[in-house]
């Protein structure tokens, strides 16, 4: 505890003022803690005096006390380390460990071609059904052209996949259609054109059969070929698809994937028309 100069001066003044009459005095000190770094300090003086000329020389005692000094912060040594105030005690802060910097997560590089292969496998690449004229229910006719087409005609398809900021679009388009007529003949063209009167359109797919092939002919009619099936000639339309991809994002590129093929088939019976000479009648 530190006694302030003001308190010392006050005590000295009181002692001097009462020296002529004092027969005894007492000095007291008191302090009160007001906070972690602050205290209130005070002092009191009690004086006993006698009045000169009092009867019988008796002493008339009178007591007085006076509070000196006031609250004054007590001295404290500055702390060298930081402190944390945690009621009701004040304790030093525990050193905080440094948080190591976490390395940034590096995403694996996107391979657009690998993504494109996955997308391409999701494409249905439907080709529709084979239609014919004369129809398969009516049978074709040897020596006359039969028409074939895909219904509906295969259309271009595309699908897009976004992954980690990379966008990959895969497109499939019809490159060609190979028509196999079942009698050993084939032609490469397009999806064909539905039959219609008038001139034959450029995209029409037609074929003329030379030999009949009806259900039950195989093994019974020596004139049919070995290609004749149990229900007629097997007609196939094999669609070849060209597949490409385009990637945008962290990696921008284009490319192509291996082609794919899908097909449709029907059994197409072919009949024949025969001419007979007959004698003239009367």
Protein backbone atom coordinates (compact mmCIF):
# COMPACT_ATOMS: atom_id res chain seq x y z
CA UNK A 1 0.00 0.00 0.00
CA UNK A 2 1.29 3.46 -0.89
CA UNK A 3 0.51 6.49 1.30
CA UNK A 4 -0.13 9.59 -0.75
CA UNK A 5 1.61 12.90 -0.06
CA UNK A 6 -1.74 14.55 0.46
CA UNK A 7 -2.52 12.24 3.35
CA UNK A 8 0.90 12.85 4.97
CA UNK A 9 0.46 16.63 4.75
CA UNK A 10 -3.01 16.38 6.28
CA UNK A 11 -1.75 14.38 9.23
CA UNK A 12 1.10 16.84 9.80
CA UNK A 13 -1.28 19.83 9.83
CA UNK A 14 -3.58 18.22 12.35
CA UNK A 15 -0.72 17.29 14.65
CA UNK A 16 0.72 20.82 14.51
CA UNK A 17 -2.64 22.46 15.15
CA UNK A 18 -3.31 20.33 18.20
CA UNK A 19 0.21 20.31 19.68
CA UNK A 20 -0.55 23.07 22.21
CA UNK A 21 -3.40 21.22 23.76
CA UNK A 22 -2.84 17.59 22.90
CA UNK A 23 -2.24 15.14 25.66
CA UNK A 24 -2.44 12.19 23.29
CA UNK A 25 -3.38 11.23 19.77
CA UNK A 26 -3.81 8.15 17.64
CA UNK A 27 -3.31 7.83 13.88
CA UNK A 28 -5.09 5.08 11.92
CA UNK A 29 -4.89 3.96 8.33
CA UNK A 30 -7.40 2.09 6.23
CA UNK A 31 -7.55 0.81 2.65
CA UNK A 32 -10.27 -0.75 0.51
CA UNK A 33 -9.73 -2.78 -2.70
CA UNK A 34 -12.00 -1.39 -5.42
CA UNK A 35 -10.86 -3.38 -8.42
CA UNK A 36 -8.05 -5.45 -9.88
CA UNK A 37 -5.73 -2.42 -10.12
CA UNK A 38 -7.39 0.20 -7.89
CA UNK A 39 -7.63 0.68 -4.10
CA UNK A 40 -9.02 3.43 -1.85
CA UNK A 41 -6.59 4.53 0.94
CA UNK A 42 -7.45 6.75 3.95
CA UNK A 43 -6.20 7.78 7.41
CA UNK A 44 -7.75 9.09 10.64
CA UNK A 45 -6.30 11.03 13.62
CA UNK A 46 -7.86 10.88 17.09
CA UNK A 47 -6.71 13.72 19.47
CA UNK A 48 -7.28 14.01 23.26
CA UNK A 49 -6.77 17.57 24.60
CA UNK A 50 -7.10 19.51 27.89
CA UNK A 51 -8.24 23.12 28.15
CA UNK A 52 -5.83 25.36 30.14
CA UNK A 53 -7.27 26.85 33.28
CA UNK A 54 -9.87 24.21 33.74
CA UNK A 55 -11.17 23.92 37.35
CA UNK A 56 -9.26 21.49 39.46
CA UNK A 57 -6.83 21.01 36.79
CA UNK A 58 -9.00 18.28 35.57
CA UNK A 59 -8.77 17.36 31.97
CA UNK A 60 -11.74 17.68 29.82
CA UNK A 61 -11.25 15.23 27.10
CA UNK A 62 -12.67 15.77 23.71
CA UNK A 63 -12.10 13.43 20.88
CA UNK A 64 -12.12 14.18 17.19
CA UNK A 65 -11.28 12.18 14.20
CA UNK A 66 -10.83 13.27 10.61
CA UNK A 67 -10.64 11.18 7.53
CA UNK A 68 -7.67 12.02 5.35
CA UNK A 69 -6.83 11.13 1.88
CA UNK A 70 -9.06 9.68 -0.71
CA UNK A 71 -9.23 6.91 -3.19
CA UNK A 72 -6.08 6.71 -5.17
CA UNK A 73 -4.97 3.96 -7.53
CA UNK A 74 -2.39 1.77 -5.94
CA UNK A 75 0.84 1.32 -7.74
CA UNK A 76 1.09 -1.70 -9.95
CA UNK A 77 3.78 -3.01 -12.19
CA UNK A 78 2.69 -3.18 -15.84
CA UNK A 79 2.25 -6.74 -16.84
CA UNK A 80 4.58 -7.97 -19.51
CA UNK A 81 2.11 -10.40 -20.95
CA UNK A 82 -1.44 -9.99 -22.14
CA UNK A 83 -4.15 -10.88 -19.65
CA UNK A 84 -7.66 -12.18 -20.02
CA UNK A 85 -10.26 -10.94 -17.53
CA UNK A 86 -12.34 -13.88 -16.46
CA UNK A 87 -14.60 -13.08 -13.55
CA UNK A 88 -14.07 -13.33 -10.66
CA UNK A 89 -10.34 -13.75 -11.25
CA UNK A 90 -7.94 -12.16 -13.62
CA UNK A 91 -5.66 -14.77 -15.13
CA UNK A 92 -3.04 -14.66 -17.86
CA UNK A 93 -4.20 -15.57 -21.35
CA UNK A 94 -2.99 -18.93 -22.51
CA UNK A 95 -0.88 -18.60 -25.66
CA UNK A 96 -2.98 -19.35 -28.71
CA UNK A 97 -1.40 -21.85 -31.10
CA UNK A 98 -1.04 -20.64 -34.64
CA UNK A 99 -3.48 -22.26 -37.00
CA UNK A 100 -1.54 -23.77 -39.87
CA UNK A 101 -2.71 -22.69 -43.28
CA UNK A 102 -4.71 -25.40 -44.94
CA UNK A 103 -3.61 -26.13 -48.48
CA UNK A 104 -6.21 -25.28 -51.04
CA UNK A 105 -8.12 -28.28 -52.32
CA UNK A 106 -7.09 -29.01 -55.86
CA UNK A 107 -9.76 -30.59 -57.98
CA UNK A 108 -8.60 -33.22 -60.41
CA UNK A 109 -8.36 -32.05 -63.98
CA UNK A 110 -11.44 -32.76 -66.09
CA UNK A 111 -10.90 -34.90 -69.16
CA UNK A 112 -13.61 -33.73 -71.60
CA UNK A 113 -13.28 -36.82 -73.78
CA UNK A 114 -13.88 -39.15 -70.83
CA UNK A 115 -16.96 -37.16 -69.86
CA UNK A 116 -18.15 -37.19 -73.48
CA UNK A 117 -17.94 -40.99 -73.63
CA UNK A 118 -20.17 -41.21 -70.56
CA UNK A 119 -22.69 -38.82 -72.10
CA UNK A 120 -22.65 -40.63 -75.45
CA UNK A 121 -23.55 -43.90 -73.74
CA UNK A 122 -26.75 -42.27 -72.49
CA UNK A 123 -28.01 -41.45 -75.97
CA UNK A 124 -30.78 -43.81 -77.10
CA UNK A 125 -30.10 -43.35 -80.84
CA UNK A 126 -33.44 -44.79 -81.84
CA UNK A 127 -34.03 -45.55 -85.54
CA UNK A 128 -37.78 -46.10 -85.69
CA UNK A 129 -39.34 -48.95 -87.68
CA UNK A 130 -38.98 -50.09 -91.27
CA UNK A 131 -41.99 -49.31 -93.43
CA UNK A 132 -42.47 -50.79 -96.94
CA UNK A 133 -44.66 -50.49 -100.00
CA UNK A 134 -46.12 -52.94 -100.80
CA UNK A 135 -46.35 -53.53 -97.08
CA UNK A 136 -45.07 -56.65 -95.36
CA UNK A 137 -48.70 -57.65 -94.77
CA UNK A 138 -49.47 -57.47 -98.48
CA UNK A 139 -46.15 -58.99 -99.67
CA UNK A 140 -43.87 -57.61 -102.32
CA UNK A 141 -43.86 -58.75 -105.91
CA UNK A 142 -40.98 -60.05 -107.97
CA UNK A 143 -40.09 -57.87 -110.89
CA UNK A 144 -41.59 -54.75 -109.31
CA UNK A 145 -39.85 -52.16 -107.15
CA UNK A 146 -40.47 -52.30 -103.42
CA UNK A 147 -40.02 -49.10 -101.38
CA UNK A 148 -38.44 -48.98 -97.92
CA UNK A 149 -38.02 -46.17 -95.37
CA UNK A 150 -37.59 -45.59 -91.67
CA UNK A 151 -40.60 -44.23 -89.80
CA UNK A 152 -39.97 -41.92 -88.05
CA UNK A 153 -36.71 -40.98 -89.68
CA UNK A 154 -33.77 -40.89 -87.22
CA UNK A 155 -32.92 -37.36 -86.10
CA UNK A 156 -29.83 -35.74 -84.66
CA UNK A 157 -29.55 -35.93 -80.87
CA UNK A 158 -27.53 -34.04 -78.28
CA UNK A 159 -27.05 -34.11 -74.54
CA UNK A 160 -25.09 -31.88 -72.15
CA UNK A 161 -23.42 -32.63 -68.84
CA UNK A 162 -21.96 -30.00 -66.48
CA UNK A 163 -19.26 -31.12 -64.03
CA UNK A 164 -17.03 -28.90 -61.82
CA UNK A 165 -17.56 -25.89 -64.07
CA UNK A 166 -16.90 -27.87 -67.24
CA UNK A 167 -19.77 -28.21 -69.71
CA UNK A 168 -19.59 -31.03 -72.24
CA UNK A 169 -22.12 -31.35 -75.06
CA UNK A 170 -22.27 -34.53 -77.14
CA UNK A 171 -24.04 -34.58 -80.51
CA UNK A 172 -24.96 -37.57 -82.67
CA UNK A 173 -25.99 -37.21 -86.32
CA UNK A 174 -26.93 -39.77 -88.96
CA UNK A 175 -23.92 -40.39 -91.16
CA UNK A 176 -25.51 -43.05 -93.39
CA UNK A 177 -28.01 -45.90 -93.50
CA UNK A 178 -27.05 -49.26 -94.94
CA UNK A 179 -30.00 -51.19 -96.38
CA UNK A 180 -29.71 -54.98 -96.52
CA UNK A 181 -32.58 -56.57 -98.51
CA UNK A 182 -32.10 -60.21 -97.54
CA UNK A 183 -31.50 -61.65 -101.01
CA UNK A 184 -27.79 -60.81 -101.06
CA UNK A 185 -28.27 -57.22 -102.25
CA UNK A 186 -27.58 -54.06 -100.24
CA UNK A 187 -27.26 -50.32 -100.76
CA UNK A 188 -25.98 -47.39 -98.68
CA UNK A 189 -28.17 -44.31 -98.60
CA UNK A 190 -30.34 -42.38 -96.24
CA UNK A 191 -33.43 -43.17 -94.15
CA UNK A 192 -35.56 -43.42 -97.31
CA UNK A 193 -38.73 -41.64 -98.43
CA UNK A 194 -42.35 -42.78 -97.98
CA UNK A 195 -43.97 -44.07 -101.14
CA UNK A 196 -45.87 -41.55 -103.23
CA UNK A 197 -47.15 -41.34 -106.77
CA UNK A 198 -45.20 -39.53 -109.40
CA UNK A 199 -41.49 -39.27 -109.92
CA UNK A 200 -39.21 -41.18 -107.57
CA UNK A 201 -37.54 -38.71 -105.14
CA UNK A 202 -33.77 -38.67 -104.86
CA UNK A 203 -33.79 -39.97 -101.28
CA UNK A 204 -36.04 -42.97 -102.02
CA UNK A 205 -34.76 -46.46 -101.24
CA UNK A 206 -36.15 -49.10 -103.63
CA UNK A 207 -35.30 -52.69 -104.53
CA UNK A 208 -36.51 -55.21 -107.13
CA UNK A 209 -36.61 -58.84 -106.03
CA UNK A 210 -36.01 -61.51 -108.69
CA UNK A 211 -37.02 -64.55 -106.65
CA UNK A 212 -40.02 -65.12 -104.49
CA UNK A 213 -39.77 -65.87 -100.75
CA UNK A 214 -42.96 -66.69 -98.93
CA UNK A 215 -43.54 -68.28 -95.52
CA UNK A 216 -43.11 -72.05 -95.89
CA UNK A 217 -41.11 -71.84 -99.13
CA UNK A 218 -37.78 -72.69 -97.51
CA UNK A 219 -37.24 -76.45 -97.82
CA UNK A 220 -40.30 -76.95 -100.02
CA UNK A 221 -39.79 -74.84 -103.14
CA UNK A 222 -36.52 -75.61 -104.94
CA UNK A 223 -36.66 -72.30 -106.77
CA UNK A 224 -36.11 -70.14 -103.65
CA UNK A 225 -32.63 -69.11 -102.62
CA UNK A 226 -30.84 -70.04 -99.42
CA UNK A 227 -31.35 -66.43 -98.20
CA UNK A 228 -35.09 -66.90 -97.96
CA UNK A 229 -36.19 -66.94 -94.34
CA UNK A 230 -39.05 -68.69 -92.58
CA UNK A 231 -41.30 -65.61 -92.92
CA UNK A 232 -39.71 -63.95 -95.95
CA UNK A 233 -36.58 -61.97 -96.65
CA UNK A 234 -34.96 -60.29 -93.65
CA UNK A 235 -34.65 -56.60 -94.43
CA UNK A 236 -32.31 -54.58 -92.20
CA UNK A 237 -31.61 -50.85 -91.92
CA UNK A 238 -28.28 -50.20 -90.16
CA UNK A 239 -27.90 -46.57 -89.11
CA UNK A 240 -24.34 -45.27 -88.69
CA UNK A 241 -24.05 -42.38 -86.23
CA UNK A 242 -21.27 -39.78 -86.22
CA UNK A 243 -20.62 -38.59 -82.66
CA UNK A 244 -18.79 -35.40 -81.70
CA UNK A 245 -18.39 -33.34 -78.54
CA UNK A 246 -17.73 -29.76 -77.53
CA UNK A 247 -16.34 -28.75 -74.12
CA UNK A 248 -16.34 -25.28 -72.56
CA UNK A 249 -15.08 -24.13 -69.17
CA UNK A 250 -11.62 -24.63 -67.63
CA UNK A 251 -10.85 -26.76 -70.69
CA UNK A 252 -12.21 -25.67 -74.06
CA UNK A 253 -11.93 -28.20 -76.84
CA UNK A 254 -13.79 -30.20 -79.46
CA UNK A 255 -13.39 -33.72 -80.70
CA UNK A 256 -15.03 -36.82 -82.10
CA UNK A 257 -15.81 -40.22 -80.62
CA UNK A 258 -15.94 -43.63 -82.31
CA UNK A 259 -19.11 -44.01 -84.42
CA UNK A 260 -22.01 -46.13 -83.25
CA UNK A 261 -24.59 -48.11 -85.17
CA UNK A 262 -28.18 -49.10 -84.43
CA UNK A 263 -30.54 -51.07 -86.64
CA UNK A 264 -34.11 -52.11 -87.33
CA UNK A 265 -35.31 -55.28 -89.10
CA UNK A 266 -38.48 -56.75 -90.63
CA UNK A 267 -39.41 -60.01 -92.36
CA UNK A 268 -40.54 -59.12 -95.89
CA UNK A 269 -42.36 -61.81 -97.91
CA UNK A 270 -42.14 -61.57 -101.71
CA UNK A 271 -44.56 -63.25 -104.02
CA UNK A 272 -44.47 -63.68 -107.82
CA UNK A 273 -46.82 -63.20 -110.70
CA UNK A 274 -46.81 -65.80 -113.48
CA UNK A 275 -48.19 -65.54 -116.97
CA UNK A 276 -49.82 -68.47 -118.73
CA UNK A 277 -50.53 -68.94 -122.41
CA UNK A 278 -53.90 -70.26 -123.19
CA UNK A 279 -55.37 -71.39 -126.45
CA UNK A 280 -57.93 -69.28 -128.19
CA UNK A 281 -61.51 -70.42 -127.87
CA UNK A 282 -64.40 -70.28 -130.37
